[in-house]
Amino acid sequence: MLPETRAFLKVWDEEAGLKENIDRVRRDNLLGKSSRSRVDDVLAVLRQRYLGDPAIVKALTYMVKCGVPNDICDRIFYLYTADSDRLLHDIVVQVIYPNFREFLMSDISALVEHALGQWVSGKMTVSPWSENTIVRVRQGLLDALRDFSVLTGAVKKKLNKLHLPVQAFAYIAFALNARKMLPAVGTLENPEWHLFFLSIEEVEKLFLAAHQEGLLHYQAAGSVIRLEFPTTNIEEYAHVIVERSH
C-alpha cells in the first residue's frame, strides 16, 4: 500500500485531527478506491502502521509533501510497518535474515511456510492454524515484502538486497534511538538492522556516511560509541532529512 500511503499523507490536513482527516478521506474518496469497504480496509491498515503517534504523522507528512524521494520514504514506511506487524518483523529478523545469503537466488516461499508451520505447531499462535491459513498468511507476508522491495518476483519470490539511502538510514537510526533501542554500546549490533539485511560493517559505513552528510554525529573508539543527532524531536529531524535530500 505504498501508493495509498503517499496519497494519504499528501492530503493530510495538519490543522485537523486524526478523526477529521480519516473522515474526509473516506467521505471524499481521496484514495480513489472503488468501494467504501475498500477505503475502510486501507484506512485501517494505514492507521495501524503510521497514525499512532502525532509526531510521526507530522514527520512523514512533511517529508512526503516536500518531495523526499520514494526510495527514502519507502524504507521508512517499511520500518513502521514491521513495527506494527510483529509477524512480518519476526519472519524477516528471525527467519529470512539468518538465511538470506543462502536464499538470494532461490524461491523463499518454502522457507517462510516452514517457519510458520513450526510456530503454529509450537503453539506460538493464539489458536491453531489450518494449512490453508498458513498458506494464506505466507502469501500475504511475501506480497508485503515484495511491495517493500525486500523480495522480487511475481510468483517465485527471491530476496533482493535492499538499497538503504543514507537519509533513510539516519531517520531510522533517529527513530530507534528515540525508543532507546540504540544503546551507546551495541549500536552496530542492534537486531533491527537485520530488517534491512545489514552486517555490522555495513551499519558502521552508513553511520560514517551519515556523519559526513551532517545528518548525525558518530564517533567510535574501540567498543565505545558516541551518537548524537542535531535535534531531539522527530518532526524537526524530518526537516533535516528534507534539507539533505535536496
C-alpha atoms as a PDB file:
ATOM      1  CA  MET A   1       0.000   0.000   0.000  1.00  0.00           C
ATOM      2  CA  LEU A   2       2.840   2.400  -0.720  1.00  0.00           C
ATOM      3  CA  PRO A   3       0.922   4.473  -3.315  1.00  0.00           C
ATOM      4  CA  GLU A   4      -2.027   4.727  -0.899  1.00  0.00           C
ATOM      5  CA  THR A   5       0.319   5.742   1.914  1.00  0.00           C
ATOM      6  CA  ARG A   6       1.826   8.566  -0.119  1.00  0.00           C
ATOM      7  CA  ALA A   7      -1.588   9.689  -1.369  1.00  0.00           C
ATOM      8  CA  PHE A   8      -2.967   9.746   2.176  1.00  0.00           C
ATOM      9  CA  LEU A   9      -0.061  11.746   3.592  1.00  0.00           C
ATOM     10  CA  LYS A  10      -0.204  14.235   0.702  1.00  0.00           C
ATOM     11  CA  VAL A  11      -3.803  15.172   1.538  1.00  0.00           C
ATOM     12  CA  TRP A  12      -3.309  15.180   5.306  1.00  0.00           C
ATOM     13  CA  ASP A  13      -4.598  18.421   6.828  1.00  0.00           C
ATOM     14  CA  GLU A  14      -2.237  19.469   9.600  1.00  0.00           C
ATOM     15  CA  GLU A  15      -4.868  21.769  11.081  1.00  0.00           C
ATOM     16  CA  ALA A  16      -7.340  18.895  11.567  1.00  0.00           C
ATOM     17  CA  GLY A  17      -7.223  15.942  13.921  1.00  0.00           C
ATOM     18  CA  LEU A  18      -6.916  12.256  13.151  1.00  0.00           C
ATOM     19  CA  LYS A  19     -10.662  11.603  13.038  1.00  0.00           C
ATOM     20  CA  GLU A  20     -11.335  14.616  10.839  1.00  0.00           C
ATOM     21  CA  ASN A  21      -8.655  13.593   8.355  1.00  0.00           C
ATOM     22  CA  ILE A  22      -9.845   9.996   8.161  1.00  0.00           C
ATOM     23  CA  ASP A  23     -13.485  11.085   7.801  1.00  0.00           C
ATOM     24  CA  ARG A  24     -12.580  13.482   4.979  1.00  0.00           C
ATOM     25  CA  VAL A  25     -10.525  10.888   3.105  1.00  0.00           C
ATOM     26  CA  ARG A  26     -13.367   8.392   3.454  1.00  0.00           C
ATOM     27  CA  ARG A  27     -16.137  10.854   2.548  1.00  0.00           C
ATOM     28  CA  ASP A  28     -14.396  12.353  -0.478  1.00  0.00           C
ATOM     29  CA  ASN A  29     -12.751   9.071  -1.532  1.00  0.00           C
ATOM     30  CA  LEU A  30      -9.403  10.827  -1.802  1.00  0.00           C
ATOM     31  CA  LEU A  31      -7.667   7.474  -2.247  1.00  0.00           C
ATOM     32  CA  GLY A  32      -9.715   6.740  -5.374  1.00  0.00           C
ATOM     33  CA  LYS A  33     -10.957   3.304  -4.317  1.00  0.00           C
ATOM     34  CA  SER A  34     -13.857   1.504  -5.988  1.00  0.00           C
ATOM     35  CA  SER A  35     -15.907   0.906  -2.848  1.00  0.00           C
ATOM     36  CA  ARG A  36     -16.428   2.274   0.631  1.00  0.00           C
ATOM     37  CA  SER A  37     -15.402  -1.041   2.177  1.00  0.00           C
ATOM     38  CA  ARG A  38     -12.083  -0.959   0.314  1.00  0.00           C
ATOM     39  CA  VAL A  39     -11.436   2.574   1.553  1.00  0.00           C
ATOM     40  CA  ASP A  40     -12.133   1.428   5.113  1.00  0.00           C
ATOM     41  CA  ASP A  41      -9.763  -1.528   4.712  1.00  0.00           C
ATOM     42  CA  VAL A  42      -6.949   0.727   3.513  1.00  0.00           C
ATOM     43  CA  LEU A  43      -7.538   3.318   6.223  1.00  0.00           C
ATOM     44  CA  ALA A  44      -7.487   0.630   8.916  1.00  0.00           C
ATOM     45  CA  VAL A  45      -4.058  -0.541   7.743  1.00  0.00           C
ATOM     46  CA  LEU A  46      -2.659   2.984   7.459  1.00  0.00           C
ATOM     47  CA  ARG A  47      -3.945   3.822  10.915  1.00  0.00           C
ATOM     48  CA  GLN A  48      -2.255   0.756  12.405  1.00  0.00           C
ATOM     49  CA  ARG A  49       1.059   1.394  10.661  1.00  0.00           C
ATOM     50  CA  TYR A  50       1.601   5.128  10.860  1.00  0.00           C
ATOM     51  CA  LEU A  51      -1.018   7.081  12.768  1.00  0.00           C
ATOM     52  CA  GLY A  52      -0.444   6.100  16.387  1.00  0.00           C
ATOM     53  CA  ASP A  53       1.920   8.979  17.192  1.00  0.00           C
ATOM     54  CA  PRO A  54       1.034  12.548  16.067  1.00  0.00           C
ATOM     55  CA  ALA A  55       4.723  13.487  15.888  1.00  0.00           C
ATOM     56  CA  ILE A  56       5.422  10.630  13.460  1.00  0.00           C
ATOM     57  CA  VAL A  57       2.434  11.622  11.332  1.00  0.00           C
ATOM     58  CA  LYS A  58       3.782  15.170  11.091  1.00  0.00           C
ATOM     59  CA  ALA A  59       7.260  13.923  10.212  1.00  0.00           C
ATOM     60  CA  LEU A  60       6.031  11.586   7.482  1.00  0.00           C
ATOM     61  CA  THR A  61       3.602  14.147   6.101  1.00  0.00           C
ATOM     62  CA  TYR A  62       6.299  16.809   5.876  1.00  0.00           C
ATOM     63  CA  MET A  63       8.717  14.529   4.045  1.00  0.00           C
ATOM     64  CA  VAL A  64       6.118  13.324   1.538  1.00  0.00           C
ATOM     65  CA  LYS A  65       4.749  16.794   0.843  1.00  0.00           C
ATOM     66  CA  CYS A  66       8.278  18.148   0.376  1.00  0.00           C
ATOM     67  CA  GLY A  67       9.004  15.547  -2.271  1.00  0.00           C
ATOM     68  CA  VAL A  68      11.536  13.363  -0.478  1.00  0.00           C
ATOM     69  CA  PRO A  69      12.323  10.569  -2.997  1.00  0.00           C
ATOM     70  CA  ASN A  70      10.250   7.405  -2.770  1.00  0.00           C
ATOM     71  CA  ASP A  71      13.227   5.149  -2.114  1.00  0.00           C
ATOM     72  CA  ILE A  72      13.896   7.097   1.095  1.00  0.00           C
ATOM     73  CA  CYS A  73      10.277   7.277   2.260  1.00  0.00           C
ATOM     74  CA  ASP A  74       9.542   3.653   1.382  1.00  0.00           C
ATOM     75  CA  ARG A  75      12.353   2.363   3.626  1.00  0.00           C
ATOM     76  CA  ILE A  76      10.948   4.445   6.477  1.00  0.00           C
ATOM     77  CA  PHE A  77       7.439   3.134   5.799  1.00  0.00           C
ATOM     78  CA  TYR A  78       8.890  -0.380   5.918  1.00  0.00           C
ATOM     79  CA  LEU A  79      10.285   0.229   9.412  1.00  0.00           C
ATOM     80  CA  TYR A  80       6.917   1.394  10.751  1.00  0.00           C
ATOM     81  CA  THR A  81       5.097  -1.447   9.012  1.00  0.00           C
ATOM     82  CA  ALA A  82       7.413  -4.007  10.604  1.00  0.00           C
ATOM     83  CA  ASP A  83       6.877  -2.303  13.968  1.00  0.00           C
ATOM     84  CA  SER A  84       3.116  -2.617  13.656  1.00  0.00           C
ATOM     85  CA  ASP A  85       3.132  -6.178  12.313  1.00  0.00           C
ATOM     86  CA  ARG A  86       5.244  -8.375  14.557  1.00  0.00           C
ATOM     87  CA  LEU A  87       4.712 -11.421  12.377  1.00  0.00           C
ATOM     88  CA  LEU A  88       6.228  -9.600   9.409  1.00  0.00           C
ATOM     89  CA  HIS A  89       9.027  -8.332  11.640  1.00  0.00           C
ATOM     90  CA  ASP A  90       9.868 -11.746  13.079  1.00  0.00           C
ATOM     91  CA  ILE A  91       9.720 -13.517   9.726  1.00  0.00           C
ATOM     92  CA  VAL A  92      12.388 -11.145   8.417  1.00  0.00           C
ATOM     93  CA  VAL A  93      14.591 -10.893  11.521  1.00  0.00           C
ATOM     94  CA  GLN A  94      14.354 -14.463  12.808  1.00  0.00           C
ATOM     95  CA  VAL A  95      13.824 -16.484   9.625  1.00  0.00           C
ATOM     96  CA  ILE A  96      14.889 -14.686   6.447  1.00  0.00           C
ATOM     97  CA  TYR A  97      17.889 -12.714   7.721  1.00  0.00           C
ATOM     98  CA  PRO A  98      19.798 -15.740   9.111  1.00  0.00           C
ATOM     99  CA  ASN A  99      19.353 -17.465   5.737  1.00  0.00           C
ATOM    100  CA  PHE A 100      19.404 -14.557   3.315  1.00  0.00           C
ATOM    101  CA  ARG A 101      22.751 -15.262   1.676  1.00  0.00           C
ATOM    102  CA  GLU A 102      21.722 -18.856   1.026  1.00  0.00           C
ATOM    103  CA  PHE A 103      18.372 -17.791  -0.463  1.00  0.00           C
ATOM    104  CA  LEU A 104      19.450 -14.788  -2.535  1.00  0.00           C
ATOM    105  CA  MET A 105      18.902 -16.790  -5.712  1.00  0.00           C
ATOM    106  CA  SER A 106      16.233 -19.238  -4.521  1.00  0.00           C
ATOM    107  CA  ASP A 107      12.480 -19.170  -4.069  1.00  0.00           C
ATOM    108  CA  ILE A 108      11.968 -18.270  -0.413  1.00  0.00           C
ATOM    109  CA  SER A 109       8.318 -19.331  -0.156  1.00  0.00           C
ATOM    110  CA  ALA A 110       9.071 -22.772   1.293  1.00  0.00           C
ATOM    111  CA  LEU A 111      11.348 -21.301   3.987  1.00  0.00           C
ATOM    112  CA  VAL A 112       8.656 -18.896   5.195  1.00  0.00           C
ATOM    113  CA  GLU A 113       5.896 -21.516   5.087  1.00  0.00           C
ATOM    114  CA  HIS A 114       8.039 -23.979   7.042  1.00  0.00           C
ATOM    115  CA  ALA A 115       8.750 -21.369   9.729  1.00  0.00           C
ATOM    116  CA  LEU A 116       5.054 -20.532  10.051  1.00  0.00           C
ATOM    117  CA  GLY A 117       4.236 -24.231  10.376  1.00  0.00           C
ATOM    118  CA  GLN A 118       6.815 -24.617  13.134  1.00  0.00           C
ATOM    119  CA  TRP A 119       5.440 -21.634  15.041  1.00  0.00           C
ATOM    120  CA  VAL A 120       1.908 -23.000  14.783  1.00  0.00           C
ATOM    121  CA  SER A 121       2.919 -26.490  15.901  1.00  0.00           C
ATOM    122  CA  GLY A 122       4.891 -24.890  18.731  1.00  0.00           C
ATOM    123  CA  LYS A 123       1.685 -23.177  19.895  1.00  0.00           C
ATOM    124  CA  MET A 124       3.090 -19.719  19.293  1.00  0.00           C
ATOM    125  CA  THR A 125      -0.173 -18.517  17.739  1.00  0.00           C
ATOM    126  CA  VAL A 126      -3.275 -17.587  19.721  1.00  0.00           C
ATOM    127  CA  SER A 127      -5.133 -20.523  18.187  1.00  0.00           C
ATOM    128  CA  PRO A 128      -4.199 -23.372  15.817  1.00  0.00           C
ATOM    129  CA  TRP A 129      -3.964 -22.502  12.118  1.00  0.00           C
ATOM    130  CA  SER A 130      -5.129 -24.747   9.311  1.00  0.00           C
ATOM    131  CA  GLU A 131      -2.864 -25.494   6.358  1.00  0.00           C
ATOM    132  CA  ASN A 132      -4.947 -23.111   4.258  1.00  0.00           C
ATOM    133  CA  THR A 133      -4.420 -20.352   6.805  1.00  0.00           C
ATOM    134  CA  ILE A 134      -0.672 -20.935   6.832  1.00  0.00           C
ATOM    135  CA  VAL A 135      -0.561 -20.707   3.033  1.00  0.00           C
ATOM    136  CA  ARG A 136      -2.703 -17.564   3.016  1.00  0.00           C
ATOM    137  CA  VAL A 137      -0.582 -15.859   5.695  1.00  0.00           C
ATOM    138  CA  ARG A 138       2.620 -16.859   3.918  1.00  0.00           C
ATOM    139  CA  GLN A 139       1.355 -15.341   0.690  1.00  0.00           C
ATOM    140  CA  GLY A 140       0.336 -12.131   2.411  1.00  0.00           C
ATOM    141  CA  LEU A 141       3.757 -11.789   4.046  1.00  0.00           C
ATOM    142  CA  LEU A 142       5.595 -12.441   0.787  1.00  0.00           C
ATOM    143  CA  ASP A 143       3.430  -9.965  -1.123  1.00  0.00           C
ATOM    144  CA  ALA A 144       4.041  -7.273   1.502  1.00  0.00           C
ATOM    145  CA  LEU A 145       7.790  -7.874   1.420  1.00  0.00           C
ATOM    146  CA  ARG A 146       7.751  -7.719  -2.377  1.00  0.00           C
ATOM    147  CA  ASP A 147       5.950  -4.368  -2.252  1.00  0.00           C
ATOM    148  CA  PHE A 148       8.681  -3.044   0.063  1.00  0.00           C
ATOM    149  CA  SER A 149      11.327  -4.376  -2.376  1.00  0.00           C
ATOM    150  CA  VAL A 150      12.645  -6.879   0.149  1.00  0.00           C
ATOM    151  CA  LEU A 151      11.652  -9.582  -2.338  1.00  0.00           C
ATOM    152  CA  THR A 152      11.329  -9.691  -6.109  1.00  0.00           C
ATOM    153  CA  GLY A 153       9.225 -11.857  -8.390  1.00  0.00           C
ATOM    154  CA  ALA A 154       5.509 -12.170  -9.101  1.00  0.00           C
ATOM    155  CA  VAL A 155       5.233 -15.920  -8.487  1.00  0.00           C
ATOM    156  CA  LYS A 156       8.580 -17.160  -7.219  1.00  0.00           C
ATOM    157  CA  LYS A 157       9.788 -14.726  -4.577  1.00  0.00           C
ATOM    158  CA  LYS A 158      13.528 -14.178  -4.321  1.00  0.00           C
ATOM    159  CA  LEU A 159      15.457 -11.988  -1.931  1.00  0.00           C
ATOM    160  CA  ASN A 160      16.509  -8.566  -3.093  1.00  0.00           C
ATOM    161  CA  LYS A 161      19.420  -6.926  -1.272  1.00  0.00           C
ATOM    162  CA  LEU A 162      17.858  -3.657  -0.196  1.00  0.00           C
ATOM    163  CA  HIS A 163      19.491  -0.360  -1.012  1.00  0.00           C
ATOM    164  CA  LEU A 164      19.181   1.853   2.057  1.00  0.00           C
ATOM    165  CA  PRO A 165      19.791   5.531   1.225  1.00  0.00           C
ATOM    166  CA  VAL A 166      21.835   7.315   3.870  1.00  0.00           C
ATOM    167  CA  GLN A 167      18.956   9.722   4.601  1.00  0.00           C
ATOM    168  CA  ALA A 168      16.604   6.810   5.315  1.00  0.00           C
ATOM    169  CA  PHE A 169      19.274   5.141   7.432  1.00  0.00           C
ATOM    170  CA  ALA A 170      19.723   8.304   9.507  1.00  0.00           C
ATOM    171  CA  TYR A 171      15.970   8.725  10.047  1.00  0.00           C
ATOM    172  CA  ILE A 172      15.662   5.073  11.103  1.00  0.00           C
ATOM    173  CA  ALA A 173      18.621   5.443  13.459  1.00  0.00           C
ATOM    174  CA  PHE A 174      16.933   8.502  14.981  1.00  0.00           C
ATOM    175  CA  ALA A 175      13.641   6.628  15.385  1.00  0.00           C
ATOM    176  CA  LEU A 176      15.339   3.650  17.030  1.00  0.00           C
ATOM    177  CA  ASN A 177      17.411   5.905  19.265  1.00  0.00           C
ATOM    178  CA  ALA A 178      14.256   7.730  20.389  1.00  0.00           C
ATOM    179  CA  ARG A 179      12.849   4.381  21.514  1.00  0.00           C
ATOM    180  CA  LYS A 180      16.073   3.638  23.405  1.00  0.00           C
ATOM    181  CA  MET A 181      16.819   0.774  21.037  1.00  0.00           C
ATOM    182  CA  LEU A 182      20.289   2.053  20.211  1.00  0.00           C
ATOM    183  CA  PRO A 183      22.363   1.994  23.401  1.00  0.00           C
ATOM    184  CA  ALA A 184      25.791   3.616  23.329  1.00  0.00           C
ATOM    185  CA  VAL A 185      27.379   0.159  23.364  1.00  0.00           C
ATOM    186  CA  GLY A 186      25.882  -2.304  20.915  1.00  0.00           C
ATOM    187  CA  THR A 187      24.591   0.215  18.368  1.00  0.00           C
ATOM    188  CA  LEU A 188      26.100  -1.658  15.457  1.00  0.00           C
ATOM    189  CA  GLU A 189      24.714  -4.988  16.646  1.00  0.00           C
ATOM    190  CA  ASN A 190      21.119  -3.837  17.047  1.00  0.00           C
ATOM    191  CA  PRO A 191      18.925  -6.594  15.551  1.00  0.00           C
ATOM    192  CA  GLU A 192      16.572  -4.049  13.986  1.00  0.00           C
ATOM    193  CA  TRP A 193      19.191  -3.501  11.293  1.00  0.00           C
ATOM    194  CA  HIS A 194      18.503  -7.086  10.222  1.00  0.00           C
ATOM    195  CA  LEU A 195      15.243  -5.823   8.720  1.00  0.00           C
ATOM    196  CA  PHE A 196      17.476  -4.283   6.059  1.00  0.00           C
ATOM    197  CA  PHE A 197      19.944  -7.210   5.889  1.00  0.00           C
ATOM    198  CA  LEU A 198      22.821  -5.052   7.089  1.00  0.00           C
ATOM    199  CA  SER A 199      26.012  -6.510   8.502  1.00  0.00           C
ATOM    200  CA  ILE A 200      27.836  -4.766  11.344  1.00  0.00           C
ATOM    201  CA  GLU A 201      30.372  -3.450   8.845  1.00  0.00           C
ATOM    202  CA  GLU A 202      27.623  -2.043   6.612  1.00  0.00           C
ATOM    203  CA  VAL A 203      25.921  -0.355   9.572  1.00  0.00           C
ATOM    204  CA  GLU A 204      29.167   1.323  10.542  1.00  0.00           C
ATOM    205  CA  LYS A 205      29.759   2.510   6.978  1.00  0.00           C
ATOM    206  CA  LEU A 206      26.294   4.046   6.895  1.00  0.00           C
ATOM    207  CA  PHE A 207      26.851   5.773  10.248  1.00  0.00           C
ATOM    208  CA  LEU A 208      30.073   7.240   8.882  1.00  0.00           C
ATOM    209  CA  ALA A 209      28.321   8.337   5.675  1.00  0.00           C
ATOM    210  CA  ALA A 210      25.502   9.942   7.687  1.00  0.00           C
ATOM    211  CA  HIS A 211      28.132  11.673   9.826  1.00  0.00           C
ATOM    212  CA  GLN A 212      29.823  13.077   6.699  1.00  0.00           C
ATOM    213  CA  GLU A 213      26.448  14.287   5.397  1.00  0.00           C
ATOM    214  CA  GLY A 214      25.835  16.171   8.644  1.00  0.00           C
ATOM    215  CA  LEU A 215      22.804  14.044   9.499  1.00  0.00           C
ATOM    216  CA  LEU A 216      24.232  12.946  12.843  1.00  0.00           C
ATOM    217  CA  HIS A 217      27.446  12.853  14.839  1.00  0.00           C
ATOM    218  CA  TYR A 218      29.053   9.429  15.069  1.00  0.00           C
ATOM    219  CA  GLN A 219      32.304   8.667  16.844  1.00  0.00           C
ATOM    220  CA  ALA A 220      33.706   5.272  17.748  1.00  0.00           C
ATOM    221  CA  ALA A 221      36.693   4.486  19.955  1.00  0.00           C
ATOM    222  CA  GLY A 222      37.021   0.751  20.358  1.00  0.00           C
ATOM    223  CA  SER A 223      33.766  -0.572  21.783  1.00  0.00           C
ATOM    224  CA  VAL A 224      32.633   2.897  22.925  1.00  0.00           C
ATOM    225  CA  ILE A 225      30.297   4.640  20.502  1.00  0.00           C
ATOM    226  CA  ARG A 226      29.112   8.218  20.724  1.00  0.00           C
ATOM    227  CA  LEU A 227      25.982   9.013  18.742  1.00  0.00           C
ATOM    228  CA  GLU A 228      24.304  12.414  18.643  1.00  0.00           C
ATOM    229  CA  PHE A 229      21.613  13.981  16.459  1.00  0.00           C
ATOM    230  CA  PRO A 230      21.099  17.662  15.609  1.00  0.00           C
ATOM    231  CA  THR A 231      17.628  17.617  17.187  1.00  0.00           C
ATOM    232  CA  THR A 232      15.689  15.628  19.755  1.00  0.00           C
ATOM    233  CA  ASN A 233      12.307  15.878  18.003  1.00  0.00           C
ATOM    234  CA  ILE A 234      11.413  13.536  15.142  1.00  0.00           C
ATOM    235  CA  GLU A 235       9.311  16.191  13.407  1.00  0.00           C
ATOM    236  CA  GLU A 236      12.264  18.565  13.440  1.00  0.00           C
ATOM    237  CA  TYR A 237      14.538  15.779  12.264  1.00  0.00           C
ATOM    238  CA  ALA A 238      12.266  15.283   9.259  1.00  0.00           C
ATOM    239  CA  HIS A 239      13.198  18.852   8.290  1.00  0.00           C
ATOM    240  CA  VAL A 240      16.870  17.849   8.435  1.00  0.00           C
ATOM    241  CA  ILE A 241      16.146  14.862   6.159  1.00  0.00           C
ATOM    242  CA  VAL A 242      14.338  17.094   3.669  1.00  0.00           C
ATOM    243  CA  GLU A 243      17.237  19.561   3.559  1.00  0.00           C
ATOM    244  CA  ARG A 244      19.793  16.805   2.957  1.00  0.00           C
ATOM    245  CA  SER A 245      17.586  15.006   0.424  1.00  0.00           C
ATOM    246  CA  HIS A 246      17.510  18.006  -1.888  1.00  0.00           C
END
